[in-house]
Amino acid sequence: MHLYHLALDDTDSLKMGCTTYVGAMILKELIKSAKFVDYPNLIRLNPNIPWKSRGNAAVCLRFQSNLRASDILDLAIGMTNRFRDQYDEKNQPGIALHEGEVPEELKRFGRRALYEVIDLGDAMRIADSYNIKYHMIKGGRGLIGAIAAIGNTLEEDHTFEIIAYRGIDKQNVARDVNYDSVAEMSKRTHPMTFNNIDVDSKRLLITPHGPDPILFGIRGEDPETLVRALKMVKFSGAEFWVIYRSNQGTDAHVSLSMKIKDLKPYYAATIEGRVASNPFTIAGGHVIFNLSDGESSIDVAAYEPSGGLRKVISALIPGDQILVAGGVRLDEEQGNRMTFNLEKLQILKLIYERRRNPICTSCHKRMKSEGKNKGYQCKKCGLKLASPEREVLNRNCSEGIYLPPPRSMRHLAKPLQRHRLEKESWNRKVGTITENVRSPSLP
């Protein structure tokens, strides 16, 4: 039997479709004769790319089969053409098929696609170098994600998602998923599932909002918990479910620490530095501050959807040492000036004491410094003092990790509850991948 890695990306549009659904329909055909060596992989890519697909997700199927490569590729092309939005001008599907083990260069390409901007030519060069068969529809930009999905083998931290699908003919119908049952499921499976609901807004997070075949998806730490969780949810309209192994909820896109001077538009990264200006709020409720790493500086923005995270940021003062994770935005209205969009804040060290020039005991005016380690002198009366004034600060924040509310977190962002649940490897056990939903849970 041959080992194959079949991947696809950019099959959806804002009006219809879903790349995971196309992947699921291909899977349902292949599973009749192929042996899957992994759960289907759901790979989220750099979320800062302006021309990304709706969810910026690629799918890779890894399996052993006696089928010819040409037949597998034809199957994938046929399914993609059947279920993609053929009238949308923006989607540019890409399909790739690699035979054999995944080489290291391909794995590096997969990692780069999480935080860099990659050119289609780079993807084609990699494909040609390793005899990867591929098919591009229209511009074929989805080939970048397809090649990256093959290379992203999820050898370290990963999560799982069980997605319940409805019929393609029902993708414009309102979803019927009971909130209270999801809230109860979330409570009973915590911390092994995550981001099921947003408590503050009472919003369901397992249901997408667009017109697509997904009814809902539950994310968590292992397949067994997800199957159990799905059975707790009251819903109607699902036809079958598929379990994916994924990089969602892992912070994989911000695993690269960068200097500010090395940042480029649309990159994702983590930066360590010191707050260089007092945060201020602009129209719309967005909070801005300047961050310096000692060599360069950049404005960091926490937008209104960041919720209570903005209050923490507003309590920062110059000198506080922090880590910020997020992506680089290019502001065309400000002459293509780069701004760092904040997704995650870690306060490493707060300033609890501030030194200031002392006040003259005679004139009650602020004294002038005579130079480093030379003390202070009053300009008016000539009084000299050796030491600065020390002001003890009462801080309204503390050291630790801060995130926006679940409703505003990106797919790749790691929830607080996943800290200390990270995986160092995968046990390579593949259980039930897909199953039909025998009956709806709601009348």
Protein backbone atom coordinates (compact mmCIF):
# COMPACT_ATOMS: atom_id res chain seq x y z
CA MET A 1 0.00 0.00 0.00
CA HIS A 2 1.12 3.56 -0.67
CA LEU A 3 1.22 6.31 1.97
CA TYR A 4 -0.58 9.42 0.74
CA HIS A 5 -1.13 12.94 2.07
CA LEU A 6 -4.03 14.66 0.29
CA ALA A 7 -4.68 18.32 1.12
CA LEU A 8 -6.93 21.12 -0.07
CA ASP A 9 -7.65 24.76 0.74
CA ASP A 10 -9.72 27.79 -0.29
CA THR A 11 -12.85 25.98 -1.49
CA ASP A 12 -15.30 28.16 0.46
CA SER A 13 -16.70 31.65 -0.04
CA LEU A 14 -18.65 34.15 2.06
CA LYS A 15 -21.87 32.86 0.49
CA MET A 16 -21.45 29.09 0.79
CA GLY A 17 -19.21 26.10 1.22
CA CYS A 18 -16.61 24.85 3.65
CA THR A 19 -13.20 23.31 3.03
CA THR A 20 -13.67 20.81 5.87
CA TYR A 21 -16.93 19.65 4.27
CA VAL A 22 -15.22 18.99 0.94
CA GLY A 23 -12.51 17.13 2.85
CA ALA A 24 -15.16 15.15 4.73
CA MET A 25 -16.90 14.10 1.52
CA ILE A 26 -13.58 12.94 0.05
CA LEU A 27 -12.86 11.09 3.31
CA LYS A 28 -16.22 9.27 3.16
CA GLU A 29 -15.25 7.91 -0.25
CA LEU A 30 -11.65 7.01 0.60
CA ILE A 31 -12.46 5.35 3.92
CA LYS A 32 -14.25 2.56 2.03
CA SER A 33 -10.90 1.17 0.89
CA ALA A 34 -8.10 3.20 2.50
CA LYS A 35 -6.51 2.82 5.93
CA PHE A 36 -6.22 6.19 7.66
CA VAL A 37 -3.00 6.64 9.64
CA ASP A 38 -4.21 9.87 11.27
CA TYR A 39 -7.42 11.70 11.94
CA PRO A 40 -8.06 14.22 9.17
CA ASN A 41 -5.93 17.25 9.96
CA LEU A 42 -7.58 20.68 10.25
CA ILE A 43 -4.77 23.20 9.90
CA ARG A 44 -5.42 26.87 10.62
CA LEU A 45 -2.95 29.16 8.88
CA ASN A 46 -1.73 32.74 9.46
CA PRO A 47 -4.94 34.59 10.43
CA ASN A 48 -3.52 38.00 9.47
CA ILE A 49 -3.44 37.38 5.71
CA PRO A 50 -5.90 39.89 4.13
CA TRP A 51 -6.83 37.55 1.25
CA LYS A 52 -7.37 34.50 3.47
CA SER A 53 -10.39 32.24 3.07
CA ARG A 54 -13.26 32.66 5.55
CA GLY A 55 -11.82 30.42 8.27
CA ASN A 56 -8.29 30.26 6.85
CA ALA A 57 -8.30 26.49 7.32
CA ALA A 58 -6.77 23.78 5.15
CA VAL A 59 -7.48 20.06 5.43
CA CYS A 60 -5.06 17.15 5.01
CA LEU A 61 -6.01 13.46 4.81
CA ARG A 62 -3.22 10.97 5.60
CA PHE A 63 -3.88 7.37 4.58
CA GLN A 64 -2.56 4.16 3.05
CA SER A 65 -4.16 2.93 -0.15
CA ASN A 66 -3.62 0.81 -3.25
CA LEU A 67 -5.33 3.44 -5.37
CA ARG A 68 -3.32 5.19 -8.04
CA ALA A 69 -2.29 8.76 -7.29
CA SER A 70 -4.07 9.99 -10.42
CA ASP A 71 -7.35 8.41 -9.28
CA ILE A 72 -7.08 10.02 -5.83
CA LEU A 73 -6.37 13.42 -7.35
CA ASP A 74 -9.30 13.04 -9.76
CA LEU A 75 -11.59 12.20 -6.82
CA ALA A 76 -10.46 15.32 -4.95
CA ILE A 77 -10.87 17.55 -8.01
CA GLY A 78 -14.36 16.18 -8.65
CA MET A 79 -15.50 16.72 -5.06
CA THR A 80 -14.01 20.22 -4.97
CA ASN A 81 -15.77 21.24 -8.17
CA ARG A 82 -19.01 19.74 -6.89
CA PHE A 83 -19.11 21.56 -3.55
CA ARG A 84 -17.21 24.82 -4.08
CA ASP A 85 -18.81 28.16 -4.92
CA GLN A 86 -18.20 28.25 -8.66
CA TYR A 87 -19.61 31.76 -9.01
CA ASP A 88 -17.35 33.40 -6.44
CA GLU A 89 -14.42 35.30 -7.94
CA LYS A 90 -12.28 35.36 -4.80
CA ASN A 91 -11.90 31.70 -3.87
CA GLN A 92 -9.00 29.98 -5.61
CA PRO A 93 -8.97 26.29 -4.61
CA GLY A 94 -5.75 24.34 -4.46
CA ILE A 95 -5.34 20.56 -4.14
CA ALA A 96 -2.07 18.72 -3.43
CA LEU A 97 -1.14 15.03 -3.17
CA HIS A 98 2.16 13.85 -1.69
CA GLU A 99 3.27 10.22 -1.62
CA GLY A 100 5.60 8.90 1.11
CA GLU A 101 6.99 10.43 4.29
CA VAL A 102 6.88 14.20 4.74
CA PRO A 103 10.38 15.73 4.25
CA GLU A 104 11.81 18.30 6.67
CA GLU A 105 11.73 21.15 4.13
CA LEU A 106 8.02 20.59 3.69
CA LYS A 107 7.54 20.65 7.46
CA ARG A 108 9.41 23.97 7.64
CA PHE A 109 7.14 25.34 4.92
CA GLY A 110 4.14 24.26 7.01
CA ARG A 111 5.45 26.14 10.04
CA ARG A 112 6.20 29.28 8.03
CA ALA A 113 2.62 29.38 6.75
CA LEU A 114 1.44 29.92 10.33
CA TYR A 115 3.13 33.30 10.74
CA GLU A 116 4.62 34.50 7.43
CA VAL A 117 3.27 35.71 4.10
CA ILE A 118 4.11 33.04 1.53
CA ASP A 119 4.13 33.47 -2.22
CA LEU A 120 2.33 31.01 -4.50
CA GLY A 121 5.60 30.54 -6.36
CA ASP A 122 7.21 29.17 -3.18
CA ALA A 123 4.46 26.58 -2.85
CA MET A 124 4.84 25.52 -6.48
CA ARG A 125 8.62 25.25 -6.09
CA ILE A 126 8.24 22.99 -3.04
CA ALA A 127 5.67 20.88 -4.88
CA ASP A 128 7.92 20.47 -7.90
CA SER A 129 10.97 19.68 -5.75
CA TYR A 130 9.24 16.74 -4.07
CA ASN A 131 7.12 15.54 -6.99
CA ILE A 132 3.90 16.60 -5.27
CA LYS A 133 0.99 16.35 -7.66
CA TYR A 134 -1.30 19.36 -7.53
CA HIS A 135 -4.26 21.00 -9.19
CA MET A 136 -5.11 24.70 -9.12
CA ILE A 137 -8.52 26.19 -9.89
CA LYS A 138 -8.63 29.79 -11.12
CA GLY A 139 -5.59 31.49 -9.53
CA GLY A 140 -4.91 28.45 -7.34
CA ARG A 141 -3.84 30.46 -4.30
CA GLY A 142 -5.21 27.65 -2.13
CA LEU A 143 -2.19 25.57 -3.13
CA ILE A 144 -0.21 27.48 -0.48
CA GLY A 145 -2.51 26.23 2.27
CA ALA A 146 -2.68 22.73 0.80
CA ILE A 147 1.12 22.35 0.72
CA ALA A 148 1.35 23.87 4.22
CA ALA A 149 -1.24 21.41 5.54
CA ILE A 150 0.78 18.46 4.24
CA GLY A 151 3.86 19.86 5.97
CA ASN A 152 2.12 20.65 9.26
CA THR A 153 2.13 17.14 10.74
CA LEU A 154 1.07 18.20 14.28
CA GLU A 155 3.91 16.34 15.98
CA GLU A 156 3.75 18.46 19.13
CA ASP A 157 0.83 20.26 20.77
CA HIS A 158 -2.54 19.68 19.11
CA THR A 159 -6.25 19.53 19.85
CA PHE A 160 -9.25 17.79 18.32
CA GLU A 161 -12.57 18.98 16.93
CA ILE A 162 -15.72 16.98 16.28
CA ILE A 163 -17.78 18.66 13.56
CA ALA A 164 -21.43 17.79 12.99
CA TYR A 165 -22.47 18.41 9.38
CA ARG A 166 -25.89 19.05 7.93
CA GLY A 167 -26.90 18.58 4.31
CA ILE A 168 -25.44 20.91 1.70
CA ASP A 169 -29.04 21.85 0.82
CA LYS A 170 -29.58 23.17 4.36
CA GLN A 171 -26.61 25.53 4.55
CA ASN A 172 -28.85 28.61 4.42
CA VAL A 173 -31.24 27.31 7.11
CA ALA A 174 -31.03 28.67 10.68
CA ARG A 175 -29.12 26.30 12.98
CA ASP A 176 -31.06 24.47 15.68
CA VAL A 177 -28.68 23.97 18.62
CA ASN A 178 -29.87 24.35 22.21
CA TYR A 179 -27.80 26.86 24.24
CA ASP A 180 -28.58 25.40 27.68
CA SER A 181 -27.47 21.93 26.63
CA VAL A 182 -24.18 23.33 25.33
CA ALA A 183 -23.64 25.26 28.57
CA GLU A 184 -24.24 22.08 30.59
CA MET A 185 -21.94 20.08 28.31
CA SER A 186 -19.25 22.72 28.69
CA LYS A 187 -19.50 22.55 32.48
CA ARG A 188 -19.40 18.73 32.58
CA THR A 189 -16.45 18.38 30.19
CA HIS A 190 -14.28 21.24 31.50
CA PRO A 191 -11.30 21.55 31.05
CA MET A 192 -11.23 18.89 28.32
CA THR A 193 -13.32 20.98 25.91
CA PHE A 194 -12.90 24.71 25.34
CA ASN A 195 -14.54 27.82 23.92
CA ASN A 196 -18.03 26.33 23.74
CA ILE A 197 -19.92 29.42 24.92
CA ASP A 198 -19.24 33.02 25.82
CA VAL A 199 -20.74 33.39 29.29
CA ASP A 200 -20.91 37.20 29.33
CA SER A 201 -22.83 37.53 26.08
CA LYS A 202 -24.59 34.13 26.35
CA ARG A 203 -23.41 33.41 22.84
CA LEU A 204 -22.89 29.97 21.34
CA LEU A 205 -19.35 29.57 20.06
CA ILE A 206 -19.66 26.04 18.67
CA THR A 207 -21.94 27.22 15.85
CA PRO A 208 -20.56 29.19 12.90
CA HIS A 209 -22.55 32.14 11.58
CA GLY A 210 -22.10 31.81 7.84
CA PRO A 211 -24.13 29.86 5.28
CA ASP A 212 -22.24 26.57 5.27
CA PRO A 213 -22.79 22.85 5.93
CA ILE A 214 -21.39 22.89 9.49
CA LEU A 215 -24.08 22.61 12.16
CA PHE A 216 -21.62 22.88 15.05
CA GLY A 217 -18.12 21.90 16.12
CA ILE A 218 -16.79 21.09 19.61
CA ARG A 219 -13.07 21.52 20.31
CA GLY A 220 -11.22 19.61 22.99
CA GLU A 221 -8.28 17.53 24.13
CA ASP A 222 -9.17 14.01 22.96
CA PRO A 223 -11.62 12.23 20.64
CA GLU A 224 -13.34 10.23 23.38
CA THR A 225 -14.34 13.36 25.29
CA LEU A 226 -15.64 14.97 22.11
CA VAL A 227 -17.90 12.04 21.22
CA ARG A 228 -19.26 12.12 24.77
CA ALA A 229 -19.72 15.91 24.55
CA LEU A 230 -21.61 15.70 21.27
CA LYS A 231 -24.11 13.30 22.85
CA MET A 232 -24.86 15.89 25.55
CA VAL A 233 -25.87 18.58 23.05
CA LYS A 234 -29.48 18.95 21.95
CA PHE A 235 -29.71 19.71 18.25
CA SER A 236 -31.47 18.78 15.04
CA GLY A 237 -30.47 18.66 11.40
CA ALA A 238 -27.10 16.87 11.55
CA GLU A 239 -26.37 14.02 9.14
CA PHE A 240 -22.90 12.88 10.19
CA TRP A 241 -19.86 13.90 12.22
CA VAL A 242 -16.10 13.84 11.62
CA ILE A 243 -13.28 14.12 14.16
CA TYR A 244 -10.29 16.27 13.16
CA ARG A 245 -6.87 16.62 14.74
CA SER A 246 -5.88 20.27 14.66
CA ASN A 247 -3.57 23.10 15.67
CA GLN A 248 -6.54 25.11 16.98
CA GLY A 249 -6.11 26.49 20.49
CA THR A 250 -2.33 25.97 20.49
CA ASP A 251 -0.87 29.46 19.85
CA ALA A 252 1.09 27.83 17.02
CA HIS A 253 0.93 31.04 14.97
CA VAL A 254 2.65 33.13 17.67
CA SER A 255 5.34 30.61 18.62
CA LEU A 256 7.98 32.75 16.89
CA SER A 257 9.59 35.46 19.07
CA MET A 258 10.71 38.42 16.99
CA LYS A 259 12.47 41.74 17.34
CA ILE A 260 10.32 44.71 16.39
CA LYS A 261 12.74 45.72 13.62
CA ASP A 262 12.24 42.31 11.96
CA LEU A 263 8.44 42.51 11.80
CA LYS A 264 6.80 42.62 8.39
CA PRO A 265 3.22 43.37 7.32
CA TYR A 266 0.75 40.58 8.18
CA TYR A 267 3.29 38.56 10.19
CA ALA A 268 2.18 36.84 13.40
CA ALA A 269 4.66 36.89 16.29
CA THR A 270 5.38 37.34 19.97
CA ILE A 271 7.32 40.42 21.13
CA GLU A 272 8.94 41.09 24.49
CA GLY A 273 9.55 44.67 25.54
CA ARG A 274 8.72 47.53 27.86
CA VAL A 275 5.74 49.83 27.72
CA ALA A 276 7.03 53.10 26.26
CA SER A 277 3.95 55.32 26.54
CA ASN A 278 0.82 55.65 28.61
CA PRO A 279 -2.06 53.75 26.95
CA PHE A 280 -4.86 55.92 25.54
CA THR A 281 -8.31 55.22 24.15
CA ILE A 282 -9.38 56.34 20.69
CA ALA A 283 -12.77 56.54 18.97
CA GLY A 284 -14.49 53.18 18.93
CA GLY A 285 -13.10 52.13 22.30
CA HIS A 286 -9.76 50.87 20.98
CA VAL A 287 -6.75 51.17 23.31
CA ILE A 288 -3.29 52.04 21.95
CA PHE A 289 0.16 52.11 23.55
CA ASN A 290 3.75 52.10 22.36
CA LEU A 291 6.05 49.15 23.02
CA SER A 292 9.86 49.22 22.85
CA ASP A 293 12.30 46.30 22.83
CA GLY A 294 15.32 48.55 23.32
CA GLU A 295 16.12 48.82 19.60
CA SER A 296 12.80 49.71 17.96
CA SER A 297 9.23 50.47 18.93
CA ILE A 298 5.75 49.87 17.57
CA ASP A 299 2.20 50.90 18.46
CA VAL A 300 0.17 48.05 19.95
CA ALA A 301 -3.62 48.10 19.56
CA ALA A 302 -6.31 46.29 21.54
CA TYR A 303 -9.57 46.74 19.68
CA GLU A 304 -13.03 47.09 21.17
CA PRO A 305 -13.89 43.35 20.85
CA SER A 306 -10.99 42.67 23.25
CA GLY A 307 -13.45 43.45 26.04
CA GLY A 308 -12.00 43.51 29.57
CA LEU A 309 -8.48 43.04 28.25
CA ARG A 310 -8.51 46.76 27.40
CA LYS A 311 -8.96 47.63 31.08
CA VAL A 312 -5.80 45.71 31.96
CA ILE A 313 -3.90 47.42 29.16
CA SER A 314 -5.11 50.84 30.30
CA ALA A 315 -3.54 50.14 33.71
CA LEU A 316 -0.05 49.68 32.23
CA ILE A 317 2.57 52.41 32.63
CA PRO A 318 5.92 53.10 30.97
CA GLY A 319 8.57 50.69 32.18
CA ASP A 320 6.30 47.67 32.66
CA GLN A 321 7.87 44.59 31.09
CA ILE A 322 5.44 42.56 28.97
CA LEU A 323 5.01 39.97 26.22
CA VAL A 324 2.49 40.64 23.47
CA ALA A 325 1.30 38.12 20.90
CA GLY A 326 -0.63 38.99 17.78
CA GLY A 327 -0.24 40.15 14.21
CA VAL A 328 1.06 43.08 12.20
CA ARG A 329 -1.52 45.29 10.54
CA LEU A 330 -0.74 47.75 7.78
CA ASP A 331 -2.63 51.03 8.25
CA GLU A 332 -3.10 52.52 4.78
CA GLU A 333 -4.70 55.67 6.24
CA GLN A 334 -1.48 56.31 8.18
CA GLY A 335 0.87 55.95 5.22
CA ASN A 336 1.19 52.16 5.51
CA ARG A 337 2.35 52.44 9.09
CA MET A 338 2.58 49.13 10.92
CA THR A 339 0.51 48.48 14.05
CA PHE A 340 0.66 45.35 16.19
CA ASN A 341 -2.82 43.90 16.79
CA LEU A 342 -2.90 42.38 20.27
CA GLU A 343 -4.29 38.87 20.80
CA LYS A 344 -2.58 37.97 24.06
CA LEU A 345 -0.86 39.90 26.85
CA GLN A 346 1.53 38.53 29.44
CA ILE A 347 2.68 40.93 32.15
CA LEU A 348 6.17 39.83 33.17
CA LYS A 349 7.19 42.57 35.62
CA LEU A 350 5.36 45.65 36.85
CA ILE A 351 6.85 48.91 38.02
CA TYR A 352 5.87 49.44 41.68
CA GLU A 353 8.13 52.41 42.39
CA ARG A 354 8.78 55.55 40.40
CA ARG A 355 11.75 57.87 40.94
CA ARG A 356 11.32 61.59 40.40
CA ASN A 357 13.38 64.70 40.96
CA PRO A 358 12.82 65.77 44.60
CA ILE A 359 10.95 68.92 45.64
CA CYS A 360 12.99 71.69 47.27
CA THR A 361 12.09 71.86 50.97
CA SER A 362 12.46 75.65 50.92
CA CYS A 363 11.01 76.73 47.57
CA HIS A 364 8.63 73.80 47.04
CA LYS A 365 9.71 73.57 43.41
CA ARG A 366 10.89 70.48 41.56
CA MET A 367 14.73 70.35 41.65
CA LYS A 368 17.02 69.82 38.66
CA SER A 369 19.34 66.83 38.20
CA GLU A 370 23.04 67.68 38.19
CA GLY A 371 23.86 64.59 36.13
CA LYS A 372 24.13 60.88 36.71
CA ASN A 373 24.93 60.12 40.37
CA LYS A 374 25.58 63.85 41.03
CA GLY A 375 22.42 64.63 42.97
CA TYR A 376 19.89 67.44 42.55
CA GLN A 377 19.94 71.22 43.01
CA CYS A 378 17.26 73.86 43.35
CA LYS A 379 17.61 76.49 40.62
CA LYS A 380 16.18 79.20 42.86
CA CYS A 381 17.91 78.81 46.23
CA GLY A 382 20.78 76.44 45.44
CA LEU A 383 19.76 73.74 47.93
CA LYS A 384 21.26 70.35 47.09
CA LEU A 385 19.89 66.86 47.75
CA ALA A 386 21.60 63.56 46.99
CA SER A 387 18.63 61.23 46.42
CA PRO A 388 15.55 61.27 44.20
CA GLU A 389 12.00 61.17 45.44
CA ARG A 390 10.56 57.65 45.54
CA GLU A 391 6.87 57.24 44.78
CA VAL A 392 5.22 53.92 45.65
CA LEU A 393 2.61 53.05 43.04
CA ASN A 394 -0.69 51.31 43.61
CA ARG A 395 -1.24 49.11 40.53
CA ASN A 396 -4.62 48.06 39.19
CA CYS A 397 -3.24 45.00 37.43
CA SER A 398 -0.97 42.09 38.30
CA GLU A 399 1.55 39.85 36.59
CA GLY A 400 0.05 37.02 34.53
CA ILE A 401 -1.55 36.11 31.20
CA TYR A 402 -4.54 38.04 29.86
CA LEU A 403 -6.77 37.17 26.90
CA PRO A 404 -9.82 38.68 25.20
CA PRO A 405 -13.20 37.04 25.89
CA PRO A 406 -13.78 33.69 24.14
CA ARG A 407 -16.12 35.31 21.58
CA SER A 408 -13.19 37.42 20.30
CA MET A 409 -10.45 34.78 20.32
CA ARG A 410 -9.05 33.47 17.07
CA HIS A 411 -9.17 29.77 16.23
CA LEU A 412 -5.45 29.37 16.89
CA ALA A 413 -5.40 31.28 20.19
CA LYS A 414 -4.71 29.15 23.26
CA PRO A 415 -7.35 29.49 26.00
CA LEU A 416 -6.12 29.89 29.57
CA GLN A 417 -7.50 26.47 30.50
CA ARG A 418 -5.18 24.81 27.97
CA HIS A 419 -2.06 26.07 29.72
CA ARG A 420 -0.51 22.95 31.33
CA LEU A 421 -2.59 20.71 29.06
CA GLU A 422 -0.24 21.08 26.11
CA LYS A 423 0.82 17.86 24.38
CA GLU A 424 4.44 17.06 23.53
CA SER A 425 3.59 14.31 21.04
CA TRP A 426 0.77 12.22 19.57
CA ASN A 427 0.18 8.57 20.47
CA ARG A 428 -0.78 7.78 16.84
CA LYS A 429 -3.93 5.93 17.85
CA VAL A 430 -6.73 6.43 15.34
CA GLY A 431 -10.22 5.55 16.53
CA THR A 432 -13.57 6.17 14.86
CA ILE A 433 -13.13 9.08 12.45
CA THR A 434 -16.67 9.55 11.16
CA GLU A 435 -20.14 8.30 11.96
CA ASN A 436 -23.65 9.02 10.77
CA VAL A 437 -26.01 10.78 13.17
CA ARG A 438 -28.78 8.24 13.58
CA SER A 439 -31.49 10.59 14.81
CA PRO A 440 -31.82 14.27 15.68
CA SER A 441 -31.67 15.29 19.33
CA LEU A 442 -34.48 17.81 19.01
CA PRO A 443 -37.95 17.16 17.58
